[in-house]
PDB file of N, CA and C in Angstrom:
ATOM      1  N   UNK A   1     116.902 123.713 104.016  1.00  0.00           N
ATOM      2  CA  UNK A   1     116.728 124.045 105.395  1.00  0.00           C
ATOM      3  C   UNK A   1     115.541 123.283 105.992  1.00  0.00           C
ATOM      4  N   UNK A   2     114.442 123.193 105.237  1.00  0.00           N
ATOM      5  CA  UNK A   2     113.255 122.480 105.733  1.00  0.00           C
ATOM      6  C   UNK A   2     113.569 121.009 105.969  1.00  0.00           C
ATOM      7  N   UNK A   3     114.311 120.413 105.051  1.00  0.00           N
ATOM      8  CA  UNK A   3     114.677 119.000 105.196  1.00  0.00           C
ATOM      9  C   UNK A   3     115.553 118.786 106.434  1.00  0.00           C
ATOM     10  N   UNK A   4     116.535 119.647 106.626  1.00  0.00           N
ATOM     11  CA  UNK A   4     117.439 119.523 107.777  1.00  0.00           C
ATOM     12  C   UNK A   4     116.695 119.686 109.100  1.00  0.00           C
ATOM     13  N   UNK A   5     115.612 120.437 109.101  1.00  0.00           N
ATOM     14  CA  UNK A   5     114.814 120.663 110.313  1.00  0.00           C
ATOM     15  C   UNK A   5     113.641 119.697 110.444  1.00  0.00           C
ATOM     16  N   UNK A   6     113.619 118.673 109.577  1.00  0.00           N
ATOM     17  CA  UNK A   6     112.578 117.641 109.611  1.00  0.00           C
ATOM     18  C   UNK A   6     111.162 118.193 109.465  1.00  0.00           C
ATOM     19  N   UNK A   7     111.022 119.247 108.660  1.00  0.00           N
ATOM     20  CA  UNK A   7     109.692 119.785 108.374  1.00  0.00           C
ATOM     21  C   UNK A   7     108.977 118.861 107.397  1.00  0.00           C
ATOM     22  N   UNK A   8     107.661 118.852 107.453  1.00  0.00           N
ATOM     23  CA  UNK A   8     106.873 118.122 106.464  1.00  0.00           C
ATOM     24  C   UNK A   8     106.868 118.949 105.187  1.00  0.00           C
ATOM     25  N   UNK A   9     107.208 118.304 104.072  1.00  0.00           N
ATOM     26  CA  UNK A   9     107.263 119.008 102.792  1.00  0.00           C
ATOM     27  C   UNK A   9     106.360 118.292 101.797  1.00  0.00           C
ATOM     28  N   UNK A  10     105.679 119.055 100.974  1.00  0.00           N
ATOM     29  CA  UNK A  10     104.801 118.484  99.963  1.00  0.00           C
ATOM     30  C   UNK A  10     104.995 119.196  98.624  1.00  0.00           C
ATOM     31  N   UNK A  11     104.515 118.561  97.593  1.00  0.00           N
ATOM     32  CA  UNK A  11     104.510 119.136  96.248  1.00  0.00           C
ATOM     33  C   UNK A  11     103.214 118.687  95.592  1.00  0.00           C
ATOM     34  N   UNK A  12     102.799 119.416  94.577  1.00  0.00           N
ATOM     35  CA  UNK A  12     101.590 119.008  93.869  1.00  0.00           C
ATOM     36  C   UNK A  12     101.789 119.160  92.372  1.00  0.00           C
ATOM     37  N   UNK A  13     101.021 118.407  91.620  1.00  0.00           N
ATOM     38  CA  UNK A  13     101.074 118.492  90.168  1.00  0.00           C
ATOM     39  C   UNK A  13      99.936 119.380  89.680  1.00  0.00           C
ATOM     40  N   UNK A  14     100.147 119.979  88.559  1.00  0.00           N
ATOM     41  CA  UNK A  14      99.168 120.877  87.950  1.00  0.00           C
ATOM     42  C   UNK A  14      98.103 120.062  87.234  1.00  0.00           C
ATOM     43  N   UNK A  15      97.017 120.704  86.862  1.00  0.00           N
ATOM     44  CA  UNK A  15      95.951 120.042  86.115  1.00  0.00           C
ATOM     45  C   UNK A  15      96.300 120.046  84.627  1.00  0.00           C
ATOM     46  N   UNK A  16      97.345 119.288  84.247  1.00  0.00           N
ATOM     47  CA  UNK A  16      97.762 119.216  82.858  1.00  0.00           C
ATOM     48  C   UNK A  16      96.871 118.270  82.059  1.00  0.00           C
ATOM     49  N   UNK A  17      96.004 117.518  82.738  1.00  0.00           N
ATOM     50  CA  UNK A  17      95.096 116.581  82.081  1.00  0.00           C
ATOM     51  C   UNK A  17      93.707 117.203  82.092  1.00  0.00           C
ATOM     52  N   UNK A  18      93.331 117.853  81.005  1.00  0.00           N
ATOM     53  CA  UNK A  18      92.082 118.601  80.955  1.00  0.00           C
ATOM     54  C   UNK A  18      90.838 117.725  81.083  1.00  0.00           C
ATOM     55  N   UNK A  19      90.967 116.413  80.951  1.00  0.00           N
ATOM     56  CA  UNK A  19      89.800 115.533  81.037  1.00  0.00           C
ATOM     57  C   UNK A  19      89.259 115.447  82.457  1.00  0.00           C
ATOM     58  N   UNK A  20      90.084 115.804  83.449  1.00  0.00           N
ATOM     59  CA  UNK A  20      89.640 115.804  84.830  1.00  0.00           C
ATOM     60  C   UNK A  20      89.703 114.448  85.520  1.00  0.00           C
ATOM     61  N   UNK A  21      90.221 113.415  84.857  1.00  0.00           N
ATOM     62  CA  UNK A  21      90.310 112.118  85.539  1.00  0.00           C
ATOM     63  C   UNK A  21      91.659 111.976  86.230  1.00  0.00           C
ATOM     64  N   UNK A  22      91.825 110.930  87.013  1.00  0.00           N
ATOM     65  CA  UNK A  22      93.043 110.720  87.792  1.00  0.00           C
ATOM     66  C   UNK A  22      94.092 109.878  87.082  1.00  0.00           C
ATOM     67  N   UNK A  23      93.893 109.592  85.805  1.00  0.00           N
ATOM     68  CA  UNK A  23      94.833 108.748  85.073  1.00  0.00           C
ATOM     69  C   UNK A  23      96.198 109.416  85.009  1.00  0.00           C
ATOM     70  N   UNK A  24      97.242 108.611  85.099  1.00  0.00           N
ATOM     71  CA  UNK A  24      98.596 109.143  85.018  1.00  0.00           C
ATOM     72  C   UNK A  24      98.872 109.647  83.612  1.00  0.00           C
ATOM     73  N   UNK A  25      99.609 110.737  83.545  1.00  0.00           N
ATOM     74  CA  UNK A  25     100.022 111.293  82.266  1.00  0.00           C
ATOM     75  C   UNK A  25     101.018 110.339  81.613  1.00  0.00           C
ATOM     76  N   UNK A  26     100.819 110.040  80.351  1.00  0.00           N
ATOM     77  CA  UNK A  26     101.672 109.052  79.684  1.00  0.00           C
ATOM     78  C   UNK A  26     103.099 109.554  79.465  1.00  0.00           C
ATOM     79  N   UNK A  27     103.314 110.860  79.406  1.00  0.00           N
ATOM     80  CA  UNK A  27     104.660 111.393  79.199  1.00  0.00           C
ATOM     81  C   UNK A  27     105.446 111.512  80.502  1.00  0.00           C
ATOM     82  N   UNK A  28     104.781 111.939  81.570  1.00  0.00           N
ATOM     83  CA  UNK A  28     105.497 112.214  82.818  1.00  0.00           C
ATOM     84  C   UNK A  28     105.343 111.127  83.868  1.00  0.00           C
ATOM     85  N   UNK A  29     104.240 110.409  83.864  1.00  0.00           N
ATOM     86  CA  UNK A  29     103.960 109.423  84.901  1.00  0.00           C
ATOM     87  C   UNK A  29     103.279 110.027  86.119  1.00  0.00           C
ATOM     88  N   UNK A  30     103.074 111.349  86.113  1.00  0.00           N
ATOM     89  CA  UNK A  30     102.419 112.026  87.227  1.00  0.00           C
ATOM     90  C   UNK A  30     100.906 112.035  87.042  1.00  0.00           C
ATOM     91  N   UNK A  31     100.188 112.121  88.152  1.00  0.00           N
ATOM     92  CA  UNK A  31      98.734 112.255  88.112  1.00  0.00           C
ATOM     93  C   UNK A  31      98.377 113.726  88.241  1.00  0.00           C
ATOM     94  N   UNK A  32      97.375 114.194  87.512  1.00  0.00           N
ATOM     95  CA  UNK A  32      97.005 115.608  87.574  1.00  0.00           C
ATOM     96  C   UNK A  32      96.369 115.975  88.913  1.00  0.00           C
ATOM     97  N   UNK A  33      96.598 117.201  89.355  1.00  0.00           N
ATOM     98  CA  UNK A  33      96.020 117.733  90.600  1.00  0.00           C
ATOM     99  C   UNK A  33      96.216 116.760  91.762  1.00  0.00           C
ATOM    100  N   UNK A  34      97.425 116.302  91.937  1.00  0.00           N
ATOM    101  CA  UNK A  34      97.724 115.278  92.937  1.00  0.00           C
ATOM    102  C   UNK A  34      98.801 115.788  93.892  1.00  0.00           C
ATOM    103  N   UNK A  35      98.723 115.399  95.151  1.00  0.00           N
ATOM    104  CA  UNK A  35      99.720 115.774  96.146  1.00  0.00           C
ATOM    105  C   UNK A  35     100.762 114.667  96.282  1.00  0.00           C
ATOM    106  N   UNK A  36     102.000 115.066  96.464  1.00  0.00           N
ATOM    107  CA  UNK A  36     103.118 114.149  96.640  1.00  0.00           C
ATOM    108  C   UNK A  36     103.881 114.532  97.898  1.00  0.00           C
ATOM    109  N   UNK A  37     104.490 113.567  98.557  1.00  0.00           N
ATOM    110  CA  UNK A  37     105.389 113.852  99.676  1.00  0.00           C
ATOM    111  C   UNK A  37     106.736 114.239  99.094  1.00  0.00           C
ATOM    112  N   UNK A  38     107.260 115.359  99.526  1.00  0.00           N
ATOM    113  CA  UNK A  38     108.576 115.812  99.093  1.00  0.00           C
ATOM    114  C   UNK A  38     109.586 115.312 100.120  1.00  0.00           C
ATOM    115  N   UNK A  39     110.383 114.332  99.726  1.00  0.00           N
ATOM    116  CA  UNK A  39     111.311 113.678 100.650  1.00  0.00           C
ATOM    117  C   UNK A  39     112.643 114.398 100.772  1.00  0.00           C
ATOM    118  N   UNK A  40     113.134 114.957  99.661  1.00  0.00           N
ATOM    119  CA  UNK A  40     114.451 115.597  99.688  1.00  0.00           C
ATOM    120  C   UNK A  40     114.629 116.473  98.454  1.00  0.00           C
ATOM    121  N   UNK A  41     115.559 117.378  98.558  1.00  0.00           N
ATOM    122  CA  UNK A  41     115.963 118.218  97.435  1.00  0.00           C
ATOM    123  C   UNK A  41     117.474 118.203  97.325  1.00  0.00           C
ATOM    124  N   UNK A  42     117.986 118.227  96.101  1.00  0.00           N
ATOM    125  CA  UNK A  42     119.431 118.137  95.871  1.00  0.00           C
ATOM    126  C   UNK A  42     119.842 119.108  94.775  1.00  0.00           C
ATOM    127  N   UNK A  43     121.101 119.544  94.836  1.00  0.00           N
ATOM    128  CA  UNK A  43     121.718 120.274  93.730  1.00  0.00           C
ATOM    129  C   UNK A  43     122.841 119.405  93.188  1.00  0.00           C
ATOM    130  N   UNK A  44     122.837 119.245  91.872  1.00  0.00           N
ATOM    131  CA  UNK A  44     123.795 118.387  91.176  1.00  0.00           C
ATOM    132  C   UNK A  44     124.666 119.263  90.291  1.00  0.00           C
ATOM    133  N   UNK A  45     125.958 118.958  90.233  1.00  0.00           N
ATOM    134  CA  UNK A  45     126.865 119.686  89.339  1.00  0.00           C
ATOM    135  C   UNK A  45     127.602 118.706  88.449  1.00  0.00           C
ATOM    136  N   UNK A  46     128.255 119.243  87.435  1.00  0.00           N
ATOM    137  CA  UNK A  46     128.999 118.399  86.511  1.00  0.00           C
ATOM    138  C   UNK A  46     128.275 118.301  85.187  1.00  0.00           C
ATOM    139  N   UNK A  47     128.596 117.268  84.440  1.00  0.00           N
ATOM    140  CA  UNK A  47     127.990 117.054  83.138  1.00  0.00           C
ATOM    141  C   UNK A  47     127.773 115.583  82.897  1.00  0.00           C
ATOM    142  N   UNK A  48     127.222 115.248  81.733  1.00  0.00           N
ATOM    143  CA  UNK A  48     126.948 113.836  81.436  1.00  0.00           C
ATOM    144  C   UNK A  48     128.154 112.948  81.720  1.00  0.00           C
ATOM    145  N   UNK A  49     127.910 111.908  82.485  1.00  0.00           N
ATOM    146  CA  UNK A  49     128.969 110.969  82.844  1.00  0.00           C
ATOM    147  C   UNK A  49     129.772 111.371  84.069  1.00  0.00           C
ATOM    148  N   UNK A  50     129.585 112.609  84.547  1.00  0.00           N
ATOM    149  CA  UNK A  50     130.370 113.056  85.703  1.00  0.00           C
ATOM    150  C   UNK A  50     129.534 113.862  86.703  1.00  0.00           C
ATOM    151  N   UNK A  51     128.237 113.647  86.732  1.00  0.00           N
ATOM    152  CA  UNK A  51     127.401 114.357  87.700  1.00  0.00           C
ATOM    153  C   UNK A  51     127.751 113.930  89.120  1.00  0.00           C
ATOM    154  N   UNK A  52     127.665 114.882  90.045  1.00  0.00           N
ATOM    155  CA  UNK A  52     127.922 114.614  91.457  1.00  0.00           C
ATOM    156  C   UNK A  52     127.139 115.629  92.286  1.00  0.00           C
ATOM    157  N   UNK A  53     127.021 115.359  93.566  1.00  0.00           N
ATOM    158  CA  UNK A  53     126.346 116.268  94.476  1.00  0.00           C
ATOM    159  C   UNK A  53     127.127 117.577  94.505  1.00  0.00           C
ATOM    160  N   UNK A  54     126.429 118.697  94.359  1.00  0.00           N
ATOM    161  CA  UNK A  54     127.097 120.002  94.331  1.00  0.00           C
ATOM    162  C   UNK A  54     127.649 120.356  95.703  1.00  0.00           C
ATOM    163  N   UNK A  55     128.819 120.969  95.710  1.00  0.00           N
ATOM    164  CA  UNK A  55     129.441 121.394  96.960  1.00  0.00           C
ATOM    165  C   UNK A  55     128.930 122.774  97.384  1.00  0.00           C
ATOM    166  N   UNK A  56     128.466 123.561  96.413  1.00  0.00           N
ATOM    167  CA  UNK A  56     127.917 124.886  96.710  1.00  0.00           C
ATOM    168  C   UNK A  56     126.818 125.206  95.699  1.00  0.00           C
ATOM    169  N   UNK A  57     125.973 126.142  96.052  1.00  0.00           N
ATOM    170  CA  UNK A  57     124.863 126.522  95.181  1.00  0.00           C
ATOM    171  C   UNK A  57     125.381 127.346  94.006  1.00  0.00           C
ATOM    172  N   UNK A  58     124.842 127.067  92.840  1.00  0.00           N
ATOM    173  CA  UNK A  58     125.240 127.752  91.617  1.00  0.00           C
ATOM    174  C   UNK A  58     124.040 127.734  90.686  1.00  0.00           C
ATOM    175  N   UNK A  59     123.747 128.843  89.997  1.00  0.00           N
ATOM    176  CA  UNK A  59     122.587 128.862  89.094  1.00  0.00           C
ATOM    177  C   UNK A  59     122.656 127.822  87.968  1.00  0.00           C
ATOM    178  N   UNK A  60     123.859 127.328  87.657  1.00  0.00           N
ATOM    179  CA  UNK A  60     124.001 126.315  86.595  1.00  0.00           C
ATOM    180  C   UNK A  60     123.776 124.896  87.094  1.00  0.00           C
ATOM    181  N   UNK A  61     123.693 124.716  88.400  1.00  0.00           N
ATOM    182  CA  UNK A  61     123.457 123.384  88.954  1.00  0.00           C
ATOM    183  C   UNK A  61     122.069 122.884  88.559  1.00  0.00           C
ATOM    184  N   UNK A  62     121.940 121.584  88.548  1.00  0.00           N
ATOM    185  CA  UNK A  62     120.646 120.939  88.314  1.00  0.00           C
ATOM    186  C   UNK A  62     120.012 120.701  89.669  1.00  0.00           C
ATOM    187  N   UNK A  63     118.756 121.053  89.791  1.00  0.00           N
ATOM    188  CA  UNK A  63     118.041 120.820  91.046  1.00  0.00           C
ATOM    189  C   UNK A  63     117.092 119.650  90.866  1.00  0.00           C
ATOM    190  N   UNK A  64     117.237 118.668  91.743  1.00  0.00           N
ATOM    191  CA  UNK A  64     116.402 117.475  91.719  1.00  0.00           C
ATOM    192  C   UNK A  64     115.594 117.392  93.010  1.00  0.00           C
ATOM    193  N   UNK A  65     114.391 116.882  92.896  1.00  0.00           N
ATOM    194  CA  UNK A  65     113.587 116.611  94.086  1.00  0.00           C
ATOM    195  C   UNK A  65     113.248 115.133  94.114  1.00  0.00           C
ATOM    196  N   UNK A  66     113.162 114.596  95.298  1.00  0.00           N
ATOM    197  CA  UNK A  66     112.761 113.201  95.486  1.00  0.00           C
ATOM    198  C   UNK A  66     111.343 113.221  96.028  1.00  0.00           C
ATOM    199  N   UNK A  67     110.412 112.664  95.242  1.00  0.00           N
ATOM    200  CA  UNK A  67     108.998 112.648  95.604  1.00  0.00           C
ATOM    201  C   UNK A  67     108.538 111.234  95.901  1.00  0.00           C
ATOM    202  N   UNK A  68     107.506 111.130  96.718  1.00  0.00           N
ATOM    203  CA  UNK A  68     106.842 109.849  96.949  1.00  0.00           C
ATOM    204  C   UNK A  68     105.357 110.062  96.697  1.00  0.00           C
ATOM    205  N   UNK A  69     104.777 109.131  95.943  1.00  0.00           N
ATOM    206  CA  UNK A  69     103.347 109.162  95.689  1.00  0.00           C
ATOM    207  C   UNK A  69     102.652 108.419  96.825  1.00  0.00           C
ATOM    208  N   UNK A  70     101.806 109.107  97.608  1.00  0.00           N
ATOM    209  CA  UNK A  70     101.150 108.414  98.718  1.00  0.00           C
ATOM    210  C   UNK A  70     100.214 107.293  98.251  1.00  0.00           C
ATOM    211  N   UNK A  71      99.806 107.316  96.999  1.00  0.00           N
ATOM    212  CA  UNK A  71      98.988 106.230  96.464  1.00  0.00           C
ATOM    213  C   UNK A  71      99.835 104.998  96.183  1.00  0.00           C
ATOM    214  N   UNK A  72     101.149 105.168  96.130  1.00  0.00           N
ATOM    215  CA  UNK A  72     102.052 104.043  95.931  1.00  0.00           C
ATOM    216  C   UNK A  72     102.103 103.508  94.514  1.00  0.00           C
ATOM    217  N   UNK A  73     101.672 104.303  93.542  1.00  0.00           N
ATOM    218  CA  UNK A  73     101.757 103.826  92.153  1.00  0.00           C
ATOM    219  C   UNK A  73     102.214 104.961  91.253  1.00  0.00           C
ATOM    220  N   UNK A  74     102.809 104.577  90.142  1.00  0.00           N
ATOM    221  CA  UNK A  74     103.297 105.551  89.178  1.00  0.00           C
ATOM    222  C   UNK A  74     104.786 105.804  89.343  1.00  0.00           C
ATOM    223  N   UNK A  75     105.433 106.093  88.247  1.00  0.00           N
ATOM    224  CA  UNK A  75     106.864 106.377  88.225  1.00  0.00           C
ATOM    225  C   UNK A  75     107.115 107.552  87.302  1.00  0.00           C
ATOM    226  N   UNK A  76     108.030 108.434  87.709  1.00  0.00           N
ATOM    227  CA  UNK A  76     108.458 109.547  86.870  1.00  0.00           C
ATOM    228  C   UNK A  76     109.080 108.987  85.601  1.00  0.00           C
ATOM    229  N   UNK A  77     108.679 109.520  84.440  1.00  0.00           N
ATOM    230  CA  UNK A  77     109.160 109.004  83.160  1.00  0.00           C
ATOM    231  C   UNK A  77     110.090 109.970  82.439  1.00  0.00           C
ATOM    232  N   UNK A  78     110.277 111.159  82.983  1.00  0.00           N
ATOM    233  CA  UNK A  78     111.108 112.165  82.328  1.00  0.00           C
ATOM    234  C   UNK A  78     112.582 111.983  82.633  1.00  0.00           C
ATOM    235  N   UNK A  79     113.343 113.016  82.301  1.00  0.00           N
ATOM    236  CA  UNK A  79     114.776 112.993  82.560  1.00  0.00           C
ATOM    237  C   UNK A  79     115.019 112.798  84.049  1.00  0.00           C
ATOM    238  N   UNK A  80     116.036 112.044  84.399  1.00  0.00           N
ATOM    239  CA  UNK A  80     116.415 111.689  85.764  1.00  0.00           C
ATOM    240  C   UNK A  80     115.474 110.651  86.370  1.00  0.00           C
ATOM    241  N   UNK A  81     114.752 109.883  85.530  1.00  0.00           N
ATOM    242  CA  UNK A  81     113.981 108.761  86.072  1.00  0.00           C
ATOM    243  C   UNK A  81     114.966 107.692  86.552  1.00  0.00           C
ATOM    244  N   UNK A  82     114.467 106.675  87.216  1.00  0.00           N
ATOM    245  CA  UNK A  82     115.341 105.661  87.822  1.00  0.00           C
ATOM    246  C   UNK A  82     116.323 105.015  86.847  1.00  0.00           C
ATOM    247  N   UNK A  83     115.963 104.945  85.570  1.00  0.00           N
ATOM    248  CA  UNK A  83     116.818 104.272  84.585  1.00  0.00           C
ATOM    249  C   UNK A  83     117.532 105.240  83.648  1.00  0.00           C
ATOM    250  N   UNK A  84     117.517 106.528  83.955  1.00  0.00           N
ATOM    251  CA  UNK A  84     118.116 107.529  83.078  1.00  0.00           C
ATOM    252  C   UNK A  84     119.633 107.398  83.049  1.00  0.00           C
ATOM    253  N   UNK A  85     120.215 107.668  81.898  1.00  0.00           N
ATOM    254  CA  UNK A  85     121.667 107.531  81.728  1.00  0.00           C
ATOM    255  C   UNK A  85     122.452 108.597  82.491  1.00  0.00           C
ATOM    256  N   UNK A  86     121.784 109.655  82.980  1.00  0.00           N
ATOM    257  CA  UNK A  86     122.475 110.694  83.749  1.00  0.00           C
ATOM    258  C   UNK A  86     122.979 110.198  85.101  1.00  0.00           C
ATOM    259  N   UNK A  87     122.374 109.154  85.629  1.00  0.00           N
ATOM    260  CA  UNK A  87     122.790 108.641  86.934  1.00  0.00           C
ATOM    261  C   UNK A  87     124.158 107.979  86.824  1.00  0.00           C
ATOM    262  N   UNK A  88     125.105 108.434  87.613  1.00  0.00           N
ATOM    263  CA  UNK A  88     126.415 107.791  87.684  1.00  0.00           C
ATOM    264  C   UNK A  88     126.455 106.973  88.978  1.00  0.00           C
ATOM    265  N   UNK A  89     127.334 106.022  89.052  1.00  0.00           N
ATOM    266  CA  UNK A  89     127.434 105.220  90.273  1.00  0.00           C
ATOM    267  C   UNK A  89     127.850 106.101  91.455  1.00  0.00           C
ATOM    268  N   UNK A  90     128.712 107.101  91.211  1.00  0.00           N
ATOM    269  CA  UNK A  90     129.118 108.015  92.276  1.00  0.00           C
ATOM    270  C   UNK A  90     127.912 108.799  92.793  1.00  0.00           C
ATOM    271  N   UNK A  91     127.103 109.337  91.887  1.00  0.00           N
ATOM    272  CA  UNK A  91     125.945 110.120  92.291  1.00  0.00           C
ATOM    273  C   UNK A  91     124.923 109.255  93.014  1.00  0.00           C
ATOM    274  N   UNK A  92     124.696 108.041  92.510  1.00  0.00           N
ATOM    275  CA  UNK A  92     123.777 107.124  93.193  1.00  0.00           C
ATOM    276  C   UNK A  92     124.242 106.870  94.623  1.00  0.00           C
ATOM    277  N   UNK A  93     125.533 106.696  94.806  1.00  0.00           N
ATOM    278  CA  UNK A  93     126.086 106.460  96.137  1.00  0.00           C
ATOM    279  C   UNK A  93     125.918 107.690  97.021  1.00  0.00           C
ATOM    280  N   UNK A  94     126.217 108.868  96.490  1.00  0.00           N
ATOM    281  CA  UNK A  94     126.122 110.106  97.269  1.00  0.00           C
ATOM    282  C   UNK A  94     124.682 110.381  97.727  1.00  0.00           C
ATOM    283  N   UNK A  95     123.714 110.052  96.868  1.00  0.00           N
ATOM    284  CA  UNK A  95     122.308 110.328  97.190  1.00  0.00           C
ATOM    285  C   UNK A  95     121.606 109.131  97.792  1.00  0.00           C
ATOM    286  N   UNK A  96     122.341 108.050  98.076  1.00  0.00           N
ATOM    287  CA  UNK A  96     121.760 106.813  98.625  1.00  0.00           C
ATOM    288  C   UNK A  96     120.584 106.356  97.766  1.00  0.00           C
ATOM    289  N   UNK A  97     120.824 106.327  96.458  1.00  0.00           N
ATOM    290  CA  UNK A  97     119.819 105.986  95.450  1.00  0.00           C
ATOM    291  C   UNK A  97     119.331 104.554  95.611  1.00  0.00           C
ATOM    292  N   UNK A  98     118.027 104.391  95.616  1.00  0.00           N
ATOM    293  CA  UNK A  98     117.408 103.057  95.623  1.00  0.00           C
ATOM    294  C   UNK A  98     116.337 103.068  94.557  1.00  0.00           C
ATOM    295  N   UNK A  99     116.374 102.085  93.670  1.00  0.00           N
ATOM    296  CA  UNK A  99     115.333 102.043  92.632  1.00  0.00           C
ATOM    297  C   UNK A  99     114.201 101.129  93.033  1.00  0.00           C
TER     298      UNK A  99
END
């Protein structure tokens, strides 16, 4: 609803890096205690090789968020990163995926 109404949306990362520095986490690619622009949210249905945009909400759906780092550096390294095998050409097309 917020996205459809053009509201400003944000997300933040937790302080998972106890050292207190701004270095990106090597597992996730996120910076600790950092704010991100939340560009969009999606629900995905299906399974490996057949994921697609969900037609209706379901607790079994996968929820994805599209974030932008205002610092302009760093990439998500976990599941559903730009090179993850879960991305199908159909899903990339439906979500207007750009790497």
